Amino acid sequence: NRLKQWRDLATRYAKRASLYRASLVLIAAIIWLP
């Protein structure tokens, strides 16, 4: 049960981190591209 809870938390964090990274890349592209 604890392993499942930790895995759910890890997947949630990974999704949020990847979303954050994707938005950073998008913002960087908007800023740096002409």
PDB file of N, CA and C in Angstrom:
ATOM      1  N   ASN A   1       0.843  -1.200   0.000  1.00  0.00           N
ATOM      2  CA  ASN A   1       0.000   0.000   0.000  1.00  0.00           C
ATOM      3  C   ASN A   1       0.877   1.248   0.000  1.00  0.00           C
ATOM      4  N   ARG A   2       1.908   1.244   0.835  1.00  0.00           N
ATOM      5  CA  ARG A   2       2.815   2.381   0.889  1.00  0.00           C
ATOM      6  C   ARG A   2       3.580   2.531  -0.427  1.00  0.00           C
ATOM      7  N   LEU A   3       3.954   1.385  -1.025  1.00  0.00           N
ATOM      8  CA  LEU A   3       4.669   1.424  -2.305  1.00  0.00           C
ATOM      9  C   LEU A   3       3.786   2.035  -3.388  1.00  0.00           C
ATOM     10  N   LYS A   4       2.506   1.651  -3.382  1.00  0.00           N
ATOM     11  CA  LYS A   4       1.572   2.211  -4.370  1.00  0.00           C
ATOM     12  C   LYS A   4       1.407   3.720  -4.157  1.00  0.00           C
ATOM     13  N   GLN A   5       1.312   4.120  -2.888  1.00  0.00           N
ATOM     14  CA  GLN A   5       1.158   5.535  -2.576  1.00  0.00           C
ATOM     15  C   GLN A   5       2.376   6.322  -3.061  1.00  0.00           C
ATOM     16  N   TRP A   6       3.567   5.779  -2.793  1.00  0.00           N
ATOM     17  CA  TRP A   6       4.797   6.454  -3.217  1.00  0.00           C
ATOM     18  C   TRP A   6       4.874   6.530  -4.730  1.00  0.00           C
ATOM     19  N   ARG A   7       4.453   5.441  -5.407  1.00  0.00           N
ATOM     20  CA  ARG A   7       4.510   5.410  -6.865  1.00  0.00           C
ATOM     21  C   ARG A   7       3.541   6.436  -7.461  1.00  0.00           C
ATOM     22  N   ASP A   8       2.354   6.568  -6.876  1.00  0.00           N
ATOM     23  CA  ASP A   8       1.393   7.569  -7.352  1.00  0.00           C
ATOM     24  C   ASP A   8       1.965   8.974  -7.177  1.00  0.00           C
ATOM     25  N   LEU A   9       2.597   9.221  -6.036  1.00  0.00           N
ATOM     26  CA  LEU A   9       3.194  10.527  -5.783  1.00  0.00           C
ATOM     27  C   LEU A   9       4.318  10.792  -6.787  1.00  0.00           C
ATOM     28  N   ALA A  10       5.128   9.782  -7.058  1.00  0.00           N
ATOM     29  CA  ALA A  10       6.240   9.932  -7.994  1.00  0.00           C
ATOM     30  C   ALA A  10       5.737  10.219  -9.408  1.00  0.00           C
ATOM     31  N   THR A  11       4.689   9.515  -9.830  1.00  0.00           N
ATOM     32  CA  THR A  11       4.158   9.755 -11.177  1.00  0.00           C
ATOM     33  C   THR A  11       3.543  11.144 -11.263  1.00  0.00           C
ATOM     34  N   ARG A  12       2.870  11.569 -10.204  1.00  0.00           N
ATOM     35  CA  ARG A  12       2.274  12.897 -10.198  1.00  0.00           C
ATOM     36  C   ARG A  12       3.362  13.959 -10.299  1.00  0.00           C
ATOM     37  N   TYR A  13       4.432  13.776  -9.518  1.00  0.00           N
ATOM     38  CA  TYR A  13       5.534  14.731  -9.545  1.00  0.00           C
ATOM     39  C   TYR A  13       6.222  14.732 -10.915  1.00  0.00           C
ATOM     40  N   ALA A  14       6.388  13.550 -11.499  1.00  0.00           N
ATOM     41  CA  ALA A  14       7.036  13.450 -12.808  1.00  0.00           C
ATOM     42  C   ALA A  14       6.198  14.161 -13.872  1.00  0.00           C
ATOM     43  N   LYS A  15       4.887  13.982 -13.799  1.00  0.00           N
ATOM     44  CA  LYS A  15       4.016  14.671 -14.757  1.00  0.00           C
ATOM     45  C   LYS A  15       4.137  16.175 -14.600  1.00  0.00           C
ATOM     46  N   ARG A  16       4.095  16.646 -13.358  1.00  0.00           N
ATOM     47  CA  ARG A  16       4.180  18.073 -13.115  1.00  0.00           C
ATOM     48  C   ARG A  16       5.533  18.616 -13.566  1.00  0.00           C
ATOM     49  N   ALA A  17       6.613  17.876 -13.275  1.00  0.00           N
ATOM     50  CA  ALA A  17       7.949  18.322 -13.653  1.00  0.00           C
ATOM     51  C   ALA A  17       8.098  18.380 -15.169  1.00  0.00           C
ATOM     52  N   SER A  18       7.579  17.362 -15.863  1.00  0.00           N
ATOM     53  CA  SER A  18       7.689  17.353 -17.320  1.00  0.00           C
ATOM     54  C   SER A  18       6.860  18.477 -17.931  1.00  0.00           C
ATOM     55  N   LEU A  19       5.699  18.744 -17.338  1.00  0.00           N
ATOM     56  CA  LEU A  19       4.859  19.835 -17.821  1.00  0.00           C
ATOM     57  C   LEU A  19       5.573  21.171 -17.629  1.00  0.00           C
ATOM     58  N   TYR A  20       6.187  21.340 -16.463  1.00  0.00           N
ATOM     59  CA  TYR A  20       6.929  22.558 -16.154  1.00  0.00           C
ATOM     60  C   TYR A  20       8.094  22.734 -17.122  1.00  0.00           C
ATOM     61  N   ARG A  21       8.814  21.628 -17.396  1.00  0.00           N
ATOM     62  CA  ARG A  21       9.946  21.678 -18.314  1.00  0.00           C
ATOM     63  C   ARG A  21       9.470  22.013 -19.725  1.00  0.00           C
ATOM     64  N   ALA A  22       8.359  21.426 -20.133  1.00  0.00           N
ATOM     65  CA  ALA A  22       7.818  21.693 -21.469  1.00  0.00           C
ATOM     66  C   ALA A  22       7.440  23.169 -21.598  1.00  0.00           C
ATOM     67  N   SER A  23       6.826  23.730 -20.552  1.00  0.00           N
ATOM     68  CA  SER A  23       6.457  25.146 -20.608  1.00  0.00           C
ATOM     69  C   SER A  23       7.696  26.029 -20.640  1.00  0.00           C
ATOM     70  N   LEU A  24       8.748  25.640 -19.898  1.00  0.00           N
ATOM     71  CA  LEU A  24       9.992  26.397 -19.939  1.00  0.00           C
ATOM     72  C   LEU A  24      10.593  26.389 -21.339  1.00  0.00           C
ATOM     73  N   VAL A  25      10.591  25.216 -21.971  1.00  0.00           N
ATOM     74  CA  VAL A  25      11.118  25.103 -23.329  1.00  0.00           C
ATOM     75  C   VAL A  25      10.299  25.963 -24.285  1.00  0.00           C
ATOM     76  N   LEU A  26       8.990  25.939 -24.122  1.00  0.00           N
ATOM     77  CA  LEU A  26       8.114  26.743 -24.985  1.00  0.00           C
ATOM     78  C   LEU A  26       8.396  28.237 -24.803  1.00  0.00           C
ATOM     79  N   ILE A  27       8.524  28.669 -23.558  1.00  0.00           N
ATOM     80  CA  ILE A  27       8.820  30.082 -23.284  1.00  0.00           C
ATOM     81  C   ILE A  27      10.185  30.461 -23.857  1.00  0.00           C
ATOM     82  N   ALA A  28      11.170  29.586 -23.685  1.00  0.00           N
ATOM     83  CA  ALA A  28      12.506  29.862 -24.225  1.00  0.00           C
ATOM     84  C   ALA A  28      12.447  29.973 -25.735  1.00  0.00           C
ATOM     85  N   ALA A  29      11.679  29.112 -26.381  1.00  0.00           N
ATOM     86  CA  ALA A  29      11.551  29.161 -27.842  1.00  0.00           C
ATOM     87  C   ALA A  29      10.911  30.479 -28.270  1.00  0.00           C
ATOM     88  N   ILE A  30       9.886  30.905 -27.533  1.00  0.00           N
ATOM     89  CA  ILE A  30       9.217  32.169 -27.873  1.00  0.00           C
ATOM     90  C   ILE A  30      10.180  33.346 -27.707  1.00  0.00           C
ATOM     91  N   ILE A  31      10.992  33.286 -26.645  1.00  0.00           N
ATOM     92  CA  ILE A  31      11.915  34.394 -26.373  1.00  0.00           C
ATOM     93  C   ILE A  31      13.061  34.415 -27.392  1.00  0.00           C
ATOM     94  N   TRP A  32      13.686  33.238 -27.625  1.00  0.00           N
ATOM     95  CA  TRP A  32      14.923  33.236 -28.403  1.00  0.00           C
ATOM     96  C   TRP A  32      14.709  33.195 -29.899  1.00  0.00           C
ATOM     97  N   LEU A  33      13.594  32.618 -30.351  1.00  0.00           N
ATOM     98  CA  LEU A  33      13.377  32.576 -31.801  1.00  0.00           C
ATOM     99  C   LEU A  33      12.896  33.934 -32.288  1.00  0.00           C
ATOM    100  N   PRO A  34      13.296  34.336 -33.485  1.00  0.00           N
ATOM    101  CA  PRO A  34      12.884  35.635 -34.012  1.00  0.00           C
ATOM    102  C   PRO A  34      11.377  35.708 -34.282  1.00  0.00           C
TER     103      PRO A  34
END
